[in-house]
Amino acid sequence: VAGGCNEIINDTVLDTNYSITVIAFSKKF
C-alpha cells in the first residue's frame, strides 16, 4: 500500500475472525 497499491480487503474489519495461527506440539511429545 505504501508503494502505491490499493487496499481492497482488510480482514481486521470484517465481521468474522478467520486468520488464526497456533503453537502446536506432537501428541506424542
PDB file of all heavy atoms in Angstrom:
ATOM      1  N   VAL A   1       0.834  -1.203   0.000  1.00  0.00           N
ATOM      2  CA  VAL A   1       0.000   0.000   0.000  1.00  0.00           C
ATOM      3  C   VAL A   1       0.871   1.257   0.000  1.00  0.00           C
ATOM      4  O   VAL A   1       0.606   2.226  -0.728  1.00  0.00           O
ATOM      5  CB  VAL A   1      -0.954   0.002   1.215  1.00  0.00           C
ATOM      6  CG1 VAL A   1      -1.701   1.327   1.326  1.00  0.00           C
ATOM      7  CG2 VAL A   1      -1.956  -1.149   1.098  1.00  0.00           C
ATOM      8  N   ALA A   2       1.930   1.238   0.800  1.00  0.00           N
ATOM      9  CA  ALA A   2       2.840   2.389   0.845  1.00  0.00           C
ATOM     10  C   ALA A   2       3.500   2.615  -0.508  1.00  0.00           C
ATOM     11  O   ALA A   2       3.865   3.757  -0.844  1.00  0.00           O
ATOM     12  CB  ALA A   2       3.908   2.160   1.911  1.00  0.00           C
ATOM     13  N   GLY A   3       3.618   1.562  -1.312  1.00  0.00           N
ATOM     14  CA  GLY A   3       4.225   1.672  -2.626  1.00  0.00           C
ATOM     15  C   GLY A   3       3.253   2.029  -3.726  1.00  0.00           C
ATOM     16  O   GLY A   3       3.643   2.064  -4.898  1.00  0.00           O
ATOM     17  N   GLY A   4       1.981   2.268  -3.375  1.00  0.00           N
ATOM     18  CA  GLY A   4       1.010   2.717  -4.366  1.00  0.00           C
ATOM     19  C   GLY A   4      -0.070   1.726  -4.723  1.00  0.00           C
ATOM     20  O   GLY A   4      -0.965   2.043  -5.522  1.00  0.00           O
ATOM     21  N   CYS A   5      -0.036   0.524  -4.154  1.00  0.00           N
ATOM     22  CA  CYS A   5      -1.103  -0.446  -4.413  1.00  0.00           C
ATOM     23  C   CYS A   5      -2.368  -0.065  -3.649  1.00  0.00           C
ATOM     24  O   CYS A   5      -2.337   0.753  -2.730  1.00  0.00           O
ATOM     25  CB  CYS A   5      -0.649  -1.849  -4.020  1.00  0.00           C
ATOM     26  SG  CYS A   5       0.638  -2.538  -5.086  1.00  0.00           S
ATOM     27  N   ASN A   6      -3.477  -0.686  -4.033  1.00  0.00           N
ATOM     28  CA  ASN A   6      -4.770  -0.390  -3.421  1.00  0.00           C
ATOM     29  C   ASN A   6      -5.140  -1.442  -2.393  1.00  0.00           C
ATOM     30  O   ASN A   6      -4.997  -2.643  -2.654  1.00  0.00           O
ATOM     31  CB  ASN A   6      -5.875  -0.338  -4.487  1.00  0.00           C
ATOM     32  CG  ASN A   6      -5.568   0.637  -5.599  1.00  0.00           C
ATOM     33  OD1 ASN A   6      -5.318   1.814  -5.367  1.00  0.00           O
ATOM     34  ND2 ASN A   6      -5.573   0.144  -6.837  1.00  0.00           N
ATOM     35  N   GLU A   7      -5.623  -1.028  -1.237  1.00  0.00           N
ATOM     36  CA  GLU A   7      -6.145  -1.959  -0.244  1.00  0.00           C
ATOM     37  C   GLU A   7      -7.605  -2.244  -0.565  1.00  0.00           C
ATOM     38  O   GLU A   7      -8.452  -1.358  -0.511  1.00  0.00           O
ATOM     39  CB  GLU A   7      -6.030  -1.355   1.159  1.00  0.00           C
ATOM     40  CG  GLU A   7      -6.582  -2.258   2.257  1.00  0.00           C
ATOM     41  CD  GLU A   7      -6.500  -1.623   3.633  1.00  0.00           C
ATOM     42  OE1 GLU A   7      -5.396  -1.186   4.034  1.00  0.00           O
ATOM     43  OE2 GLU A   7      -7.549  -1.548   4.305  1.00  0.00           O
ATOM     44  N   ILE A   8      -7.901  -3.491  -0.896  1.00  0.00           N
ATOM     45  CA  ILE A   8      -9.262  -3.872  -1.275  1.00  0.00           C
ATOM     46  C   ILE A   8     -10.013  -4.498  -0.101  1.00  0.00           C
ATOM     47  O   ILE A   8     -11.174  -4.183   0.148  1.00  0.00           O
ATOM     48  CB  ILE A   8      -9.241  -4.849  -2.477  1.00  0.00           C
ATOM     49  CG1 ILE A   8      -8.454  -4.237  -3.628  1.00  0.00           C
ATOM     50  CG2 ILE A   8     -10.659  -5.201  -2.902  1.00  0.00           C
ATOM     51  CD1 ILE A   8      -8.963  -2.891  -4.102  1.00  0.00           C
ATOM     52  N   ILE A   9      -9.356  -5.396   0.629  1.00  0.00           N
ATOM     53  CA  ILE A   9      -9.961  -6.014   1.818  1.00  0.00           C
ATOM     54  C   ILE A   9      -8.934  -5.997   2.937  1.00  0.00           C
ATOM     55  O   ILE A   9      -7.783  -6.390   2.746  1.00  0.00           O
ATOM     56  CB  ILE A   9     -10.411  -7.464   1.552  1.00  0.00           C
ATOM     57  CG1 ILE A   9     -11.495  -7.517   0.480  1.00  0.00           C
ATOM     58  CG2 ILE A   9     -10.923  -8.124   2.842  1.00  0.00           C
ATOM     59  CD1 ILE A   9     -11.888  -8.941   0.076  1.00  0.00           C
ATOM     60  N   ASN A  10      -9.359  -5.546   4.101  1.00  0.00           N
ATOM     61  CA  ASN A  10      -8.572  -5.624   5.328  1.00  0.00           C
ATOM     62  C   ASN A  10      -9.344  -6.532   6.266  1.00  0.00           C
ATOM     63  O   ASN A  10     -10.453  -6.195   6.705  1.00  0.00           O
ATOM     64  CB  ASN A  10      -8.408  -4.228   5.930  1.00  0.00           C
ATOM     65  CG  ASN A  10      -7.606  -4.225   7.225  1.00  0.00           C
ATOM     66  OD1 ASN A  10      -7.546  -5.217   7.941  1.00  0.00           O
ATOM     67  ND2 ASN A  10      -7.002  -3.094   7.538  1.00  0.00           N
ATOM     68  N   ASP A  11      -8.789  -7.709   6.577  1.00  0.00           N
ATOM     69  CA  ASP A  11      -9.601  -8.692   7.316  1.00  0.00           C
ATOM     70  C   ASP A  11      -9.792  -8.350   8.788  1.00  0.00           C
ATOM     71  O   ASP A  11     -10.563  -9.017   9.481  1.00  0.00           O
ATOM     72  CB  ASP A  11      -9.057 -10.110   7.141  1.00  0.00           C
ATOM     73  CG  ASP A  11      -7.783 -10.398   7.910  1.00  0.00           C
ATOM     74  OD1 ASP A  11      -7.196  -9.472   8.497  1.00  0.00           O
ATOM     75  OD2 ASP A  11      -7.360 -11.578   7.919  1.00  0.00           O
ATOM     76  N   THR A  12      -9.145  -7.303   9.269  1.00  0.00           N
ATOM     77  CA  THR A  12      -9.367  -6.899  10.666  1.00  0.00           C
ATOM     78  C   THR A  12     -10.652  -6.106  10.838  1.00  0.00           C
ATOM     79  O   THR A  12     -11.029  -5.791  11.975  1.00  0.00           O
ATOM     80  CB  THR A  12      -8.185  -6.070  11.211  1.00  0.00           C
ATOM     81  OG1 THR A  12      -8.109  -4.825  10.501  1.00  0.00           O
ATOM     82  CG2 THR A  12      -6.882  -6.827  11.082  1.00  0.00           C
ATOM     83  N   VAL A  13     -11.321  -5.772   9.734  1.00  0.00           N
ATOM     84  CA  VAL A  13     -12.584  -5.021   9.837  1.00  0.00           C
ATOM     85  C   VAL A  13     -13.754  -5.814   9.269  1.00  0.00           C
ATOM     86  O   VAL A  13     -14.839  -5.266   9.061  1.00  0.00           O
ATOM     87  CB  VAL A  13     -12.477  -3.640   9.144  1.00  0.00           C
ATOM     88  CG1 VAL A  13     -11.459  -2.777   9.855  1.00  0.00           C
ATOM     89  CG2 VAL A  13     -12.127  -3.776   7.664  1.00  0.00           C
ATOM     90  N   LEU A  14     -13.542  -7.099   9.009  1.00  0.00           N
ATOM     91  CA  LEU A  14     -14.657  -7.954   8.594  1.00  0.00           C
ATOM     92  C   LEU A  14     -15.492  -8.338   9.814  1.00  0.00           C
ATOM     93  O   LEU A  14     -15.152  -8.017  10.950  1.00  0.00           O
ATOM     94  CB  LEU A  14     -14.130  -9.196   7.880  1.00  0.00           C
ATOM     95  CG  LEU A  14     -13.415  -8.950   6.543  1.00  0.00           C
ATOM     96  CD1 LEU A  14     -12.875 -10.271   5.987  1.00  0.00           C
ATOM     97  CD2 LEU A  14     -14.331  -8.279   5.533  1.00  0.00           C
ATOM     98  N   ASP A  15     -16.573  -9.059   9.585  1.00  0.00           N
ATOM     99  CA  ASP A  15     -17.456  -9.440  10.686  1.00  0.00           C
ATOM    100  C   ASP A  15     -16.974 -10.677  11.435  1.00  0.00           C
ATOM    101  O   ASP A  15     -17.319 -10.884  12.596  1.00  0.00           O
ATOM    102  CB  ASP A  15     -18.882  -9.705  10.159  1.00  0.00           C
ATOM    103  CG  ASP A  15     -19.554  -8.444   9.661  1.00  0.00           C
ATOM    104  OD1 ASP A  15     -19.204  -7.350  10.158  1.00  0.00           O
ATOM    105  OD2 ASP A  15     -20.429  -8.546   8.773  1.00  0.00           O
ATOM    106  N   THR A  16     -16.182 -11.513  10.760  1.00  0.00           N
ATOM    107  CA  THR A  16     -15.772 -12.793  11.339  1.00  0.00           C
ATOM    108  C   THR A  16     -14.259 -12.903  11.354  1.00  0.00           C
ATOM    109  O   THR A  16     -13.581 -12.435  10.436  1.00  0.00           O
ATOM    110  CB  THR A  16     -16.368 -13.966  10.525  1.00  0.00           C
ATOM    111  OG1 THR A  16     -17.788 -13.813  10.461  1.00  0.00           O
ATOM    112  CG2 THR A  16     -16.039 -15.309  11.164  1.00  0.00           C
ATOM    113  N   ASN A  17     -13.737 -13.533  12.391  1.00  0.00           N
ATOM    114  CA  ASN A  17     -12.299 -13.775  12.515  1.00  0.00           C
ATOM    115  C   ASN A  17     -11.929 -15.055  11.767  1.00  0.00           C
ATOM    116  O   ASN A  17     -12.457 -16.121  12.056  1.00  0.00           O
ATOM    117  CB  ASN A  17     -11.923 -13.908  13.998  1.00  0.00           C
ATOM    118  CG  ASN A  17     -10.444 -14.131  14.201  1.00  0.00           C
ATOM    119  OD1 ASN A  17      -9.632 -13.507  13.532  1.00  0.00           O
ATOM    120  ND2 ASN A  17     -10.093 -15.014  15.114  1.00  0.00           N
ATOM    121  N   TYR A  18     -11.030 -14.953  10.798  1.00  0.00           N
ATOM    122  CA  TYR A  18     -10.617 -16.114  10.014  1.00  0.00           C
ATOM    123  C   TYR A  18      -9.137 -16.454  10.183  1.00  0.00           C
ATOM    124  O   TYR A  18      -8.776 -17.624  10.212  1.00  0.00           O
ATOM    125  CB  TYR A  18     -10.887 -15.873   8.522  1.00  0.00           C
ATOM    126  CG  TYR A  18     -12.324 -15.580   8.182  1.00  0.00           C
ATOM    127  CD1 TYR A  18     -12.718 -14.300   7.795  1.00  0.00           C
ATOM    128  CD2 TYR A  18     -13.303 -16.571   8.232  1.00  0.00           C
ATOM    129  CE1 TYR A  18     -14.031 -14.019   7.472  1.00  0.00           C
ATOM    130  CE2 TYR A  18     -14.622 -16.304   7.915  1.00  0.00           C
ATOM    131  CZ  TYR A  18     -14.986 -15.021   7.531  1.00  0.00           C
ATOM    132  OH  TYR A  18     -16.297 -14.734   7.224  1.00  0.00           O
ATOM    133  N   SER A  19      -8.288 -15.434  10.232  1.00  0.00           N
ATOM    134  CA  SER A  19      -6.833 -15.684  10.195  1.00  0.00           C
ATOM    135  C   SER A  19      -6.315 -16.027  11.587  1.00  0.00           C
ATOM    136  O   SER A  19      -6.217 -15.172  12.457  1.00  0.00           O
ATOM    137  CB  SER A  19      -6.085 -14.468   9.635  1.00  0.00           C
ATOM    138  OG  SER A  19      -6.397 -13.293  10.350  1.00  0.00           O
ATOM    139  N   ILE A  20      -5.999 -17.297  11.780  1.00  0.00           N
ATOM    140  CA  ILE A  20      -5.537 -17.811  13.070  1.00  0.00           C
ATOM    141  C   ILE A  20      -4.275 -18.628  12.855  1.00  0.00           C
ATOM    142  O   ILE A  20      -4.227 -19.518  12.005  1.00  0.00           O
ATOM    143  CB  ILE A  20      -6.606 -18.718  13.729  1.00  0.00           C
ATOM    144  CG1 ILE A  20      -7.926 -17.962  13.891  1.00  0.00           C
ATOM    145  CG2 ILE A  20      -6.121 -19.243  15.074  1.00  0.00           C
ATOM    146  CD1 ILE A  20      -9.081 -18.854  14.291  1.00  0.00           C
ATOM    147  N   THR A  21      -3.232 -18.310  13.634  1.00  0.00           N
ATOM    148  CA  THR A  21      -2.060 -19.170  13.693  1.00  0.00           C
ATOM    149  C   THR A  21      -1.934 -19.697  15.116  1.00  0.00           C
ATOM    150  O   THR A  21      -2.449 -19.099  16.067  1.00  0.00           O
ATOM    151  CB  THR A  21      -0.781 -18.435  13.286  1.00  0.00           C
ATOM    152  OG1 THR A  21      -0.670 -17.212  14.031  1.00  0.00           O
ATOM    153  CG2 THR A  21      -0.788 -18.122  11.803  1.00  0.00           C
ATOM    154  N   VAL A  22      -1.250 -20.822  15.259  1.00  0.00           N
ATOM    155  CA  VAL A  22      -1.242 -21.528  16.537  1.00  0.00           C
ATOM    156  C   VAL A  22       0.152 -22.065  16.852  1.00  0.00           C
ATOM    157  O   VAL A  22       1.017 -22.156  15.979  1.00  0.00           O
ATOM    158  CB  VAL A  22      -2.244 -22.706  16.520  1.00  0.00           C
ATOM    159  CG1 VAL A  22      -3.663 -22.218  16.302  1.00  0.00           C
ATOM    160  CG2 VAL A  22      -1.859 -23.744  15.454  1.00  0.00           C
ATOM    161  N   ILE A  23       0.343 -22.406  18.118  1.00  0.00           N
ATOM    162  CA  ILE A  23       1.504 -23.183  18.538  1.00  0.00           C
ATOM    163  C   ILE A  23       1.003 -24.603  18.782  1.00  0.00           C
ATOM    164  O   ILE A  23       0.098 -24.812  19.594  1.00  0.00           O
ATOM    165  CB  ILE A  23       2.150 -22.627  19.822  1.00  0.00           C
ATOM    166  CG1 ILE A  23       2.404 -21.121  19.700  1.00  0.00           C
ATOM    167  CG2 ILE A  23       3.433 -23.391  20.125  1.00  0.00           C
ATOM    168  CD1 ILE A  23       3.325 -20.711  18.586  1.00  0.00           C
ATOM    169  N   ALA A  24       1.570 -25.556  18.066  1.00  0.00           N
ATOM    170  CA  ALA A  24       1.113 -26.940  18.161  1.00  0.00           C
ATOM    171  C   ALA A  24       2.291 -27.863  18.443  1.00  0.00           C
ATOM    172  O   ALA A  24       3.393 -27.645  17.937  1.00  0.00           O
ATOM    173  CB  ALA A  24       0.411 -27.371  16.876  1.00  0.00           C
ATOM    174  N   PHE A  25       2.033 -28.877  19.268  1.00  0.00           N
ATOM    175  CA  PHE A  25       3.038 -29.896  19.584  1.00  0.00           C
ATOM    176  C   PHE A  25       2.534 -31.261  19.128  1.00  0.00           C
ATOM    177  O   PHE A  25       1.316 -31.489  19.011  1.00  0.00           O
ATOM    178  CB  PHE A  25       3.296 -29.935  21.091  1.00  0.00           C
ATOM    179  CG  PHE A  25       4.158 -28.821  21.601  1.00  0.00           C
ATOM    180  CD1 PHE A  25       3.602 -27.612  21.976  1.00  0.00           C
ATOM    181  CD2 PHE A  25       5.536 -28.971  21.691  1.00  0.00           C
ATOM    182  CE1 PHE A  25       4.386 -26.575  22.427  1.00  0.00           C
ATOM    183  CE2 PHE A  25       6.332 -27.942  22.151  1.00  0.00           C
ATOM    184  CZ  PHE A  25       5.765 -26.734  22.522  1.00  0.00           C
ATOM    185  N   SER A  26       3.471 -32.154  18.883  1.00  0.00           N
ATOM    186  CA  SER A  26       3.060 -33.509  18.544  1.00  0.00           C
ATOM    187  C   SER A  26       2.349 -34.130  19.743  1.00  0.00           C
ATOM    188  O   SER A  26       2.717 -33.878  20.895  1.00  0.00           O
ATOM    189  CB  SER A  26       4.263 -34.376  18.151  1.00  0.00           C
ATOM    190  OG  SER A  26       5.048 -34.705  19.279  1.00  0.00           O
ATOM    191  N   LYS A  27       1.337 -34.905  19.466  1.00  0.00           N
ATOM    192  CA  LYS A  27       0.599 -35.565  20.546  1.00  0.00           C
ATOM    193  C   LYS A  27       1.528 -36.462  21.352  1.00  0.00           C
ATOM    194  O   LYS A  27       1.433 -36.536  22.590  1.00  0.00           O
ATOM    195  CB  LYS A  27      -0.557 -36.382  19.982  1.00  0.00           C
ATOM    196  CG  LYS A  27      -1.410 -37.065  21.054  1.00  0.00           C
ATOM    197  CD  LYS A  27      -2.558 -37.842  20.435  1.00  0.00           C
ATOM    198  CE  LYS A  27      -3.431 -38.467  21.525  1.00  0.00           C
ATOM    199  NZ  LYS A  27      -2.689 -39.401  22.390  1.00  0.00           N
ATOM    200  N   LYS A  28       2.451 -37.113  20.658  1.00  0.00           N
ATOM    201  CA  LYS A  28       3.404 -37.996  21.344  1.00  0.00           C
ATOM    202  C   LYS A  28       4.240 -37.213  22.350  1.00  0.00           C
ATOM    203  O   LYS A  28       4.428 -37.649  23.490  1.00  0.00           O
ATOM    204  CB  LYS A  28       4.308 -38.678  20.311  1.00  0.00           C
ATOM    205  CG  LYS A  28       5.339 -39.643  20.890  1.00  0.00           C
ATOM    206  CD  LYS A  28       6.135 -40.298  19.765  1.00  0.00           C
ATOM    207  CE  LYS A  28       7.105 -41.342  20.306  1.00  0.00           C
ATOM    208  NZ  LYS A  28       8.172 -40.759  21.150  1.00  0.00           N
ATOM    209  N   PHE A  29       4.735 -36.043  21.951  1.00  0.00           N
ATOM    210  CA  PHE A  29       5.556 -35.251  22.866  1.00  0.00           C
ATOM    211  C   PHE A  29       4.732 -34.777  24.065  1.00  0.00           C
ATOM    212  O   PHE A  29       5.206 -34.812  25.203  1.00  0.00           O
ATOM    213  CB  PHE A  29       6.160 -34.041  22.142  1.00  0.00           C
ATOM    214  CG  PHE A  29       7.111 -33.252  22.999  1.00  0.00           C
ATOM    215  CD1 PHE A  29       8.434 -33.649  23.117  1.00  0.00           C
ATOM    216  CD2 PHE A  29       6.684 -32.142  23.704  1.00  0.00           C
ATOM    217  CE1 PHE A  29       9.316 -32.930  23.922  1.00  0.00           C
ATOM    218  CE2 PHE A  29       7.555 -31.422  24.504  1.00  0.00           C
ATOM    219  CZ  PHE A  29       8.876 -31.821  24.619  1.00  0.00           C
TER     220      PHE A  29
END
